Amino acid sequence: MAQASFEQVYHGFHAATMDATDLTHSNGYGIIEDAAIAVAKGNIVWIGKAIELPVHSAPTSHLGGGWVTPGLIDCHTHLVFGGDRATEYEMRLQGASYEDIAKAGGGIVSTVTDTRKSSEAELFASAKKRLSALMSDGVTCVEVKSGYGLDLATETKMLTVARQLGNDLPVTVRTTCLAAHALPPEYKGQADAYINLVCERILPSIAQAGLADAVDGFCEGIAFSVEQIERVFQTAQALGLPVKLHAEQLSDLGGSGLAAKYNALSSDHLEYLSDADAVAMAKAGTVAVILPGAFFCLKETKLPPIARLRELGVAMAVASDANPGSAPVLSLRLMMSMACTLFGLTPLEALQGVTIHGAKALGLGDSHGQLKQGFAADFVCWDINKPAELCYWLGGQLVKHRAVAGEMT
């Protein structure tokens, strides 16, 4: 009998495959009890019940029980930055709003100053600590945005560091150019002129250097208008880069409708999302990225329209939004719990949000976020008795084993 050409086999666990087809009829989790995974060339080449494993001679590892899920995907972070904003955190606790702090010269602009002053080595060292914390909590794929440079040199520096993180650590990193994040101090009162710089110099240079997998913007009263963001999207489209958007976090400007118009991978935050824009997102297949960390830290009260998004069939991802100002978050699993408690997601929806839907939000829906033949062999073995425990426990070390491209890390 011919033997299967596996490089490594893992068994001794139950699996929640998150397979979109859910052939196991397990209410979306795609459960396989007493499962095994076979790996070759960094991908899953076989998955099923261990008793049905084909004959092979590959090395075999018993994972010691527990549950295996796809590696968690954090599809919205700002991990690379200089300095911190703990002082602003104290100000907010004393009553200052996010907008008050931004208008007083704090907020994003203060991080811009610190990031411009930091070397690549300094940015790498600080970002590595933050990313390592996310990885220890089960993250195997992460998006990293720029947006604290707001000039060509620093945006390039940030994205170079983000690429280096992916090269040096056992994690998949997707990079996003967020040059249209805020108005730099040297362009005060000249928003259109700054958008000219973004569209005519920054984005073309970043694209030519191959440093970005997508382009993002901040469509908000304290940032940029729909018309200005549309120019950014048109430039990204001409450069062959997909788009994403920060939208409807503080008000309804119609940014998500614009994102849908350009078939954006995702529109993120969405507390003030209108019904018309939700419908547009559903038609375009744009993922709604839910960010409970920023909602919590900013003491927001306006909830995203979760029930309507669910009714429309809009894929909902959950992410950390890890950043120095509004979401100093280092646990994606905690965000899963907050998405359930604060926003009303089910544990299944939260897990889908950091696996299958998180992958879609990064344009990786055909390769990541599911335990499935042909997909990346990125998975985590958890010390739990049922998948819902990933949302149930607040904190704690639940990761038993973590694998990226089939290799234990």
Protein backbone atom coordinates (compact mmCIF):
# COMPACT_ATOMS: atom_id res chain seq x y z
CA MET A 1 0.00 0.00 0.00
CA ALA A 2 1.37 3.42 -0.96
CA GLN A 3 2.12 5.70 1.95
CA ALA A 4 0.87 9.27 2.18
CA SER A 5 3.59 11.89 1.71
CA PHE A 6 3.27 13.76 5.00
CA GLU A 7 6.11 15.69 6.65
CA GLN A 8 4.54 15.85 10.13
CA VAL A 9 1.41 14.54 11.79
CA TYR A 10 -0.28 15.92 14.91
CA HIS A 11 -2.97 14.05 16.89
CA GLY A 12 -4.37 13.79 20.41
CA PHE A 13 -6.92 16.62 20.35
CA HIS A 14 -10.38 17.66 19.24
CA ALA A 15 -10.55 20.21 16.40
CA ALA A 16 -12.80 23.18 15.73
CA THR A 17 -11.92 23.58 12.07
CA MET A 18 -14.10 26.69 11.44
CA ASP A 19 -14.57 25.26 7.96
CA ALA A 20 -17.12 27.48 6.20
CA THR A 21 -18.87 24.48 4.66
CA ASP A 22 -19.25 22.90 8.14
CA LEU A 23 -19.71 19.41 6.76
CA THR A 24 -19.74 18.08 10.33
CA HIS A 25 -23.04 19.88 11.03
CA SER A 26 -21.63 21.20 14.31
CA ASN A 27 -23.29 24.62 14.26
CA GLY A 28 -20.43 26.43 12.58
CA TYR A 29 -17.50 25.18 14.64
CA GLY A 30 -16.70 22.37 12.22
CA ILE A 31 -15.95 19.97 15.06
CA ILE A 32 -13.87 16.82 14.56
CA GLU A 33 -13.43 14.76 17.71
CA ASP A 34 -10.22 12.76 18.21
CA ALA A 35 -8.71 14.55 15.24
CA ALA A 36 -5.40 14.52 13.40
CA ILE A 37 -3.69 17.01 11.11
CA ALA A 38 -1.04 16.13 8.54
CA VAL A 39 1.30 18.81 7.26
CA ALA A 40 3.59 19.20 4.25
CA LYS A 41 5.36 22.31 2.92
CA GLY A 42 3.73 24.51 5.52
CA ASN A 43 0.16 23.56 4.58
CA ILE A 44 -2.48 21.17 5.85
CA VAL A 45 -2.57 18.20 3.48
CA TRP A 46 -4.97 16.04 5.47
CA ILE A 47 -7.35 16.58 8.39
CA GLY A 48 -9.92 14.24 9.87
CA LYS A 49 -10.51 11.67 12.58
CA ALA A 50 -7.25 10.15 13.77
CA ILE A 51 -8.62 6.65 13.27
CA GLU A 52 -9.01 7.43 9.55
CA LEU A 53 -5.45 8.73 9.11
CA PRO A 54 -3.82 7.29 5.97
CA VAL A 55 -0.79 5.05 6.25
CA HIS A 56 2.34 7.19 6.53
CA SER A 57 5.88 7.22 7.91
CA ALA A 58 6.01 10.87 9.00
CA PRO A 59 7.03 11.92 12.52
CA THR A 60 3.98 12.04 14.79
CA SER A 61 3.30 14.29 17.78
CA HIS A 62 0.60 13.81 20.40
CA LEU A 63 -0.66 17.21 21.60
CA GLY A 64 -1.90 15.94 24.93
CA GLY A 65 -5.60 16.68 24.65
CA GLY A 66 -7.48 19.93 24.49
CA TRP A 67 -8.87 21.70 21.44
CA VAL A 68 -7.15 22.86 18.27
CA THR A 69 -8.45 25.87 16.35
CA PRO A 70 -7.00 27.84 13.48
CA GLY A 71 -4.40 30.30 14.69
CA LEU A 72 -6.02 33.57 15.71
CA ILE A 73 -5.93 36.43 13.21
CA ASP A 74 -5.69 40.02 14.46
CA CYS A 75 -6.81 41.95 11.39
CA HIS A 76 -6.50 45.52 12.73
CA THR A 77 -3.47 46.74 14.70
CA HIS A 78 -1.16 49.74 14.95
CA LEU A 79 1.70 47.86 16.60
CA VAL A 80 4.62 49.96 15.30
CA PHE A 81 4.94 53.32 17.05
CA GLY A 82 7.24 55.39 19.24
CA GLY A 83 6.57 56.39 22.84
CA ASP A 84 3.28 55.83 24.65
CA ARG A 85 0.22 57.84 25.68
CA ALA A 86 -0.34 56.75 29.26
CA THR A 87 -0.69 60.42 30.28
CA GLU A 88 -3.63 60.81 27.90
CA TYR A 89 -5.17 57.72 29.45
CA GLU A 90 -5.12 59.52 32.77
CA MET A 91 -6.62 62.62 31.13
CA ARG A 92 -9.51 60.61 29.72
CA LEU A 93 -10.18 59.14 33.15
CA GLN A 94 -10.47 62.71 34.41
CA GLY A 95 -13.08 63.56 31.81
CA ALA A 96 -11.25 64.67 28.65
CA SER A 97 -12.70 63.22 25.44
CA TYR A 98 -10.75 61.66 22.56
CA GLU A 99 -11.63 64.69 20.44
CA ASP A 100 -10.62 67.14 23.20
CA ILE A 101 -7.20 65.52 23.44
CA ALA A 102 -6.74 65.49 19.66
CA LYS A 103 -7.67 69.17 19.34
CA ALA A 104 -5.21 70.08 22.10
CA GLY A 105 -2.33 68.60 20.10
CA GLY A 106 -2.36 65.20 21.73
CA GLY A 107 -3.69 62.01 20.27
CA ILE A 108 -2.28 60.70 17.04
CA VAL A 109 -0.07 63.75 16.47
CA SER A 110 1.85 63.20 19.72
CA THR A 111 2.64 59.64 18.64
CA VAL A 112 3.71 61.00 15.25
CA THR A 113 6.35 63.13 16.97
CA ASP A 114 7.71 60.17 18.95
CA THR A 115 7.63 57.84 15.93
CA ARG A 116 9.48 60.27 13.69
CA LYS A 117 12.24 60.53 16.32
CA SER A 118 12.60 56.76 16.76
CA SER A 119 15.06 54.64 14.81
CA GLU A 120 14.06 51.46 12.99
CA ALA A 121 15.82 49.45 15.69
CA GLU A 122 13.90 51.22 18.46
CA LEU A 123 10.57 50.76 16.68
CA PHE A 124 11.32 47.09 16.03
CA ALA A 125 12.26 46.41 19.66
CA SER A 126 9.10 47.97 21.10
CA ALA A 127 6.78 46.47 18.48
CA LYS A 128 8.34 43.03 18.98
CA LYS A 129 7.33 43.10 22.66
CA ARG A 130 3.75 43.96 21.81
CA LEU A 131 3.52 41.40 19.03
CA SER A 132 5.05 38.71 21.23
CA ALA A 133 2.27 39.28 23.77
CA LEU A 134 -0.37 38.79 21.07
CA MET A 135 1.41 35.69 19.80
CA SER A 136 1.54 34.15 23.28
CA ASP A 137 -2.25 34.55 23.39
CA GLY A 138 -2.75 32.52 20.20
CA VAL A 139 -2.23 34.98 17.34
CA THR A 140 -0.49 33.51 14.28
CA CYS A 141 -1.39 36.22 11.72
CA VAL A 142 -1.51 39.97 12.27
CA GLU A 143 -2.09 43.12 10.26
CA VAL A 144 0.18 46.08 11.05
CA LYS A 145 -0.69 49.60 9.90
CA SER A 146 1.52 52.62 9.43
CA GLY A 147 -0.03 56.04 10.06
CA TYR A 148 2.18 57.52 12.77
CA GLY A 149 4.66 58.91 10.27
CA LEU A 150 2.53 61.11 8.02
CA ASP A 151 5.54 61.74 5.80
CA LEU A 152 7.21 59.50 3.26
CA ALA A 153 10.33 58.75 5.28
CA THR A 154 8.54 57.70 8.47
CA GLU A 155 5.72 55.82 6.76
CA THR A 156 8.42 53.88 4.90
CA LYS A 157 10.29 53.29 8.15
CA MET A 158 7.20 51.94 9.91
CA LEU A 159 6.25 49.56 7.11
CA THR A 160 9.85 48.35 6.82
CA VAL A 161 9.77 47.50 10.53
CA ALA A 162 6.43 45.72 10.11
CA ARG A 163 7.87 43.60 7.30
CA GLN A 164 10.89 42.82 9.49
CA LEU A 165 8.60 41.58 12.28
CA GLY A 166 7.13 39.06 9.86
CA ASN A 167 10.55 37.99 8.66
CA ASP A 168 12.06 37.57 12.14
CA LEU A 169 9.17 36.11 14.15
CA PRO A 170 7.00 33.00 13.61
CA VAL A 171 3.92 34.95 12.55
CA THR A 172 2.34 36.05 9.28
CA VAL A 173 2.34 39.86 8.98
CA ARG A 174 0.20 41.81 6.52
CA THR A 175 1.06 45.48 6.16
CA THR A 176 -1.29 48.40 5.51
CA CYS A 177 -0.36 51.95 4.57
CA LEU A 178 -2.45 54.33 6.69
CA ALA A 179 -0.84 57.59 5.63
CA ALA A 180 -4.32 59.18 5.60
CA HIS A 181 -4.60 58.72 9.36
CA ALA A 182 -4.38 62.31 10.60
CA LEU A 183 -3.21 65.73 9.50
CA PRO A 184 0.49 66.24 10.32
CA PRO A 185 1.31 69.46 12.20
CA GLU A 186 3.19 70.94 9.24
CA TYR A 187 -0.02 70.71 7.17
CA LYS A 188 -2.33 72.32 9.73
CA GLY A 189 -5.33 73.78 7.91
CA GLN A 190 -4.18 72.20 4.62
CA ALA A 191 -5.94 68.86 4.51
CA ASP A 192 -6.31 68.83 0.73
CA ALA A 193 -2.62 69.59 0.29
CA TYR A 194 -1.70 66.70 2.57
CA ILE A 195 -3.97 64.33 0.65
CA ASN A 196 -2.10 65.50 -2.48
CA LEU A 197 1.13 64.38 -0.80
CA VAL A 198 -0.39 61.02 0.15
CA CYS A 199 -1.70 60.37 -3.35
CA GLU A 200 1.16 61.77 -5.41
CA ARG A 201 4.21 60.75 -3.37
CA ILE A 202 3.64 58.52 -0.37
CA LEU A 203 1.40 55.81 -1.80
CA PRO A 204 3.25 55.47 -5.14
CA SER A 205 6.60 55.19 -3.34
CA ILE A 206 5.29 52.66 -0.82
CA ALA A 207 3.70 50.60 -3.59
CA GLN A 208 6.87 50.65 -5.70
CA ALA A 209 8.87 49.42 -2.72
CA GLY A 210 6.40 46.58 -2.15
CA LEU A 211 5.88 47.58 1.48
CA ALA A 212 2.07 47.53 1.65
CA ASP A 213 -0.54 44.83 1.13
CA ALA A 214 -3.42 47.32 1.44
CA VAL A 215 -4.27 51.01 1.93
CA ASP A 216 -6.34 52.42 4.79
CA GLY A 217 -7.70 55.82 5.84
CA PHE A 218 -9.52 57.53 8.71
CA CYS A 219 -12.84 59.01 7.59
CA GLU A 220 -13.98 61.15 10.49
CA GLY A 221 -14.53 64.76 11.51
CA ILE A 222 -11.14 64.88 13.24
CA ALA A 223 -9.45 63.28 10.23
CA PHE A 224 -10.54 63.29 6.56
CA SER A 225 -13.76 63.71 4.59
CA VAL A 226 -15.40 61.19 2.31
CA GLU A 227 -14.21 63.19 -0.71
CA GLN A 228 -10.61 63.21 0.51
CA ILE A 229 -10.64 59.49 1.31
CA GLU A 230 -12.10 58.76 -2.12
CA ARG A 231 -9.00 60.31 -3.69
CA VAL A 232 -6.89 57.96 -1.55
CA PHE A 233 -8.98 54.99 -2.67
CA GLN A 234 -8.72 55.98 -6.32
CA THR A 235 -4.93 56.17 -5.98
CA ALA A 236 -4.80 52.77 -4.25
CA GLN A 237 -6.96 51.28 -6.97
CA ALA A 238 -4.66 52.65 -9.67
CA LEU A 239 -1.69 51.10 -7.83
CA GLY A 240 -3.41 47.72 -7.59
CA LEU A 241 -3.80 47.79 -3.80
CA PRO A 242 -7.01 46.82 -1.96
CA VAL A 243 -8.48 49.28 0.52
CA LYS A 244 -9.76 49.28 4.11
CA LEU A 245 -11.26 52.10 6.18
CA HIS A 246 -11.63 53.43 9.72
CA ALA A 247 -15.24 54.66 9.59
CA GLU A 248 -18.23 55.63 11.70
CA GLN A 249 -16.32 55.50 14.99
CA LEU A 250 -17.38 58.92 16.25
CA SER A 251 -20.03 60.02 13.74
CA ASP A 252 -21.78 58.96 10.53
CA LEU A 253 -20.04 60.49 7.52
CA GLY A 254 -20.93 57.68 5.13
CA GLY A 255 -17.43 56.27 4.97
CA SER A 256 -18.57 52.66 4.96
CA GLY A 257 -20.72 53.31 1.91
CA LEU A 258 -17.62 54.66 0.18
CA ALA A 259 -15.66 51.59 1.29
CA ALA A 260 -18.32 49.32 -0.18
CA LYS A 261 -18.26 51.31 -3.44
CA TYR A 262 -14.57 50.45 -3.78
CA ASN A 263 -15.06 46.81 -2.69
CA ALA A 264 -13.03 47.39 0.44
CA LEU A 265 -11.72 44.38 2.31
CA SER A 266 -13.17 45.84 5.49
CA SER A 267 -14.71 48.82 7.21
CA ASP A 268 -13.71 49.10 10.86
CA HIS A 269 -15.23 50.47 14.12
CA LEU A 270 -18.79 51.16 12.81
CA GLU A 271 -20.48 52.41 15.96
CA TYR A 272 -22.42 55.00 13.92
CA LEU A 273 -22.96 52.84 10.83
CA SER A 274 -26.16 53.73 8.92
CA ASP A 275 -28.53 51.09 7.65
CA ALA A 276 -27.93 52.13 4.04
CA ASP A 277 -24.18 51.66 4.46
CA ALA A 278 -24.69 48.31 6.19
CA VAL A 279 -26.72 47.16 3.20
CA ALA A 280 -23.99 48.42 0.87
CA MET A 281 -21.36 46.47 2.82
CA ALA A 282 -23.44 43.31 2.56
CA LYS A 283 -23.76 43.68 -1.20
CA ALA A 284 -20.03 44.36 -1.62
CA GLY A 285 -18.87 41.58 0.69
CA THR A 286 -16.98 44.09 2.84
CA VAL A 287 -16.13 42.72 6.29
CA ALA A 288 -17.28 44.63 9.38
CA VAL A 289 -14.34 44.74 11.80
CA ILE A 290 -15.55 45.15 15.38
CA LEU A 291 -13.13 46.81 17.81
CA PRO A 292 -14.39 46.49 21.39
CA GLY A 293 -11.07 47.58 22.91
CA ALA A 294 -11.35 51.14 21.62
CA PHE A 295 -15.05 51.22 22.53
CA PHE A 296 -14.17 50.19 26.09
CA CYS A 297 -11.15 52.45 26.54
CA LEU A 298 -12.93 55.52 25.18
CA LYS A 299 -16.01 54.79 27.31
CA GLU A 300 -18.23 54.89 24.23
CA THR A 301 -21.93 54.19 24.56
CA LYS A 302 -23.09 53.96 20.94
CA LEU A 303 -23.07 50.29 19.94
CA PRO A 304 -22.40 49.04 16.41
CA PRO A 305 -25.58 47.64 14.79
CA ILE A 306 -24.61 44.02 15.40
CA ALA A 307 -28.10 42.58 14.99
CA ARG A 308 -28.56 44.32 11.66
CA LEU A 309 -25.14 43.20 10.40
CA ARG A 310 -26.04 39.66 11.43
CA GLU A 311 -29.41 39.91 9.68
CA LEU A 312 -27.76 41.16 6.48
CA GLY A 313 -25.17 38.38 6.55
CA VAL A 314 -22.21 40.77 6.83
CA ALA A 315 -19.09 38.90 7.97
CA MET A 316 -17.99 40.31 11.34
CA ALA A 317 -14.34 40.18 12.34
CA VAL A 318 -12.98 41.03 15.79
CA ALA A 319 -9.60 42.71 16.26
CA SER A 320 -7.47 44.30 18.96
CA ASP A 321 -6.91 47.73 17.35
CA ALA A 322 -3.69 47.66 19.40
CA ASN A 323 -2.49 51.26 19.50
CA PRO A 324 -0.99 53.69 22.00
CA GLY A 325 -3.99 55.98 22.37
CA SER A 326 -7.46 54.50 22.19
CA ALA A 327 -6.76 50.76 22.52
CA PRO A 328 -3.59 49.71 24.38
CA VAL A 329 -4.65 46.09 23.90
CA LEU A 330 -2.31 43.09 24.01
CA SER A 331 -4.85 40.23 24.12
CA LEU A 332 -7.04 39.31 21.17
CA ARG A 333 -8.78 36.68 23.27
CA LEU A 334 -9.89 39.40 25.69
CA MET A 335 -11.38 41.24 22.71
CA MET A 336 -13.35 38.10 21.86
CA SER A 337 -14.84 38.15 25.33
CA MET A 338 -15.61 41.88 25.13
CA ALA A 339 -17.24 41.40 21.73
CA CYS A 340 -19.61 38.94 23.40
CA THR A 341 -20.24 40.88 26.62
CA LEU A 342 -20.37 44.42 25.23
CA PHE A 343 -21.67 43.89 21.69
CA GLY A 344 -23.72 40.71 21.92
CA LEU A 345 -21.73 38.40 19.68
CA THR A 346 -22.00 34.70 20.42
CA PRO A 347 -18.81 32.77 21.29
CA LEU A 348 -19.05 31.14 17.85
CA GLU A 349 -19.28 34.53 16.13
CA ALA A 350 -16.33 35.80 18.17
CA LEU A 351 -14.20 32.82 17.18
CA GLN A 352 -15.25 33.19 13.55
CA GLY A 353 -14.30 36.86 13.90
CA VAL A 354 -10.68 36.03 14.70
CA THR A 355 -10.37 33.13 12.26
CA ILE A 356 -12.39 32.80 9.06
CA HIS A 357 -13.70 36.39 9.00
CA GLY A 358 -10.43 37.90 10.18
CA ALA A 359 -8.73 36.16 7.27
CA LYS A 360 -11.27 37.57 4.83
CA ALA A 361 -10.67 41.08 6.20
CA LEU A 362 -7.01 40.72 5.16
CA GLY A 363 -7.68 39.19 1.75
CA LEU A 364 -6.49 35.80 3.05
CA GLY A 365 -9.81 33.98 2.96
CA ASP A 366 -8.49 31.32 0.60
CA SER A 367 -5.44 30.39 2.68
CA HIS A 368 -5.93 31.21 6.38
CA GLY A 369 -8.52 31.11 9.14
CA GLN A 370 -9.70 27.51 8.72
CA LEU A 371 -8.29 24.05 9.38
CA LYS A 372 -8.76 22.76 5.89
CA GLN A 373 -6.78 20.89 3.25
CA GLY A 374 -4.64 23.31 1.26
CA PHE A 375 -4.74 26.03 3.93
CA ALA A 376 -1.78 27.26 5.96
CA ALA A 377 -0.92 24.93 8.84
CA ASP A 378 -1.31 27.71 11.41
CA PHE A 379 -3.07 26.40 14.50
CA VAL A 380 -3.24 26.59 18.27
CA CYS A 381 -3.88 23.81 20.76
CA TRP A 382 -5.78 25.18 23.76
CA ASP A 383 -6.07 23.80 27.29
CA ILE A 384 -9.87 23.95 27.28
CA ASN A 385 -12.82 21.56 27.35
CA LYS A 386 -14.97 23.37 24.78
CA PRO A 387 -14.39 26.17 22.25
CA ALA A 388 -16.64 28.66 24.07
CA GLU A 389 -14.05 28.82 26.87
CA LEU A 390 -11.89 31.02 24.64
CA CYS A 391 -14.42 33.81 25.32
CA TYR A 392 -15.40 32.65 28.81
CA TRP A 393 -12.02 32.99 30.55
CA LEU A 394 -10.73 36.51 31.13
CA GLY A 395 -6.96 36.21 30.95
CA GLY A 396 -4.93 33.17 31.87
CA GLN A 397 -2.53 31.12 29.77
CA LEU A 398 -4.68 28.78 27.71
CA VAL A 399 -2.23 28.13 24.86
CA LYS A 400 -0.63 24.67 25.06
CA HIS A 401 0.97 24.60 21.60
CA ARG A 402 1.20 27.08 18.74
CA ALA A 403 2.15 26.17 15.17
CA VAL A 404 2.91 28.38 12.19
CA ALA A 405 3.34 26.76 8.77
CA GLY A 406 3.23 23.41 10.55
CA GLU A 407 6.19 24.17 12.84
CA MET A 408 5.74 24.38 16.61
CA THR A 409 6.87 27.75 17.98
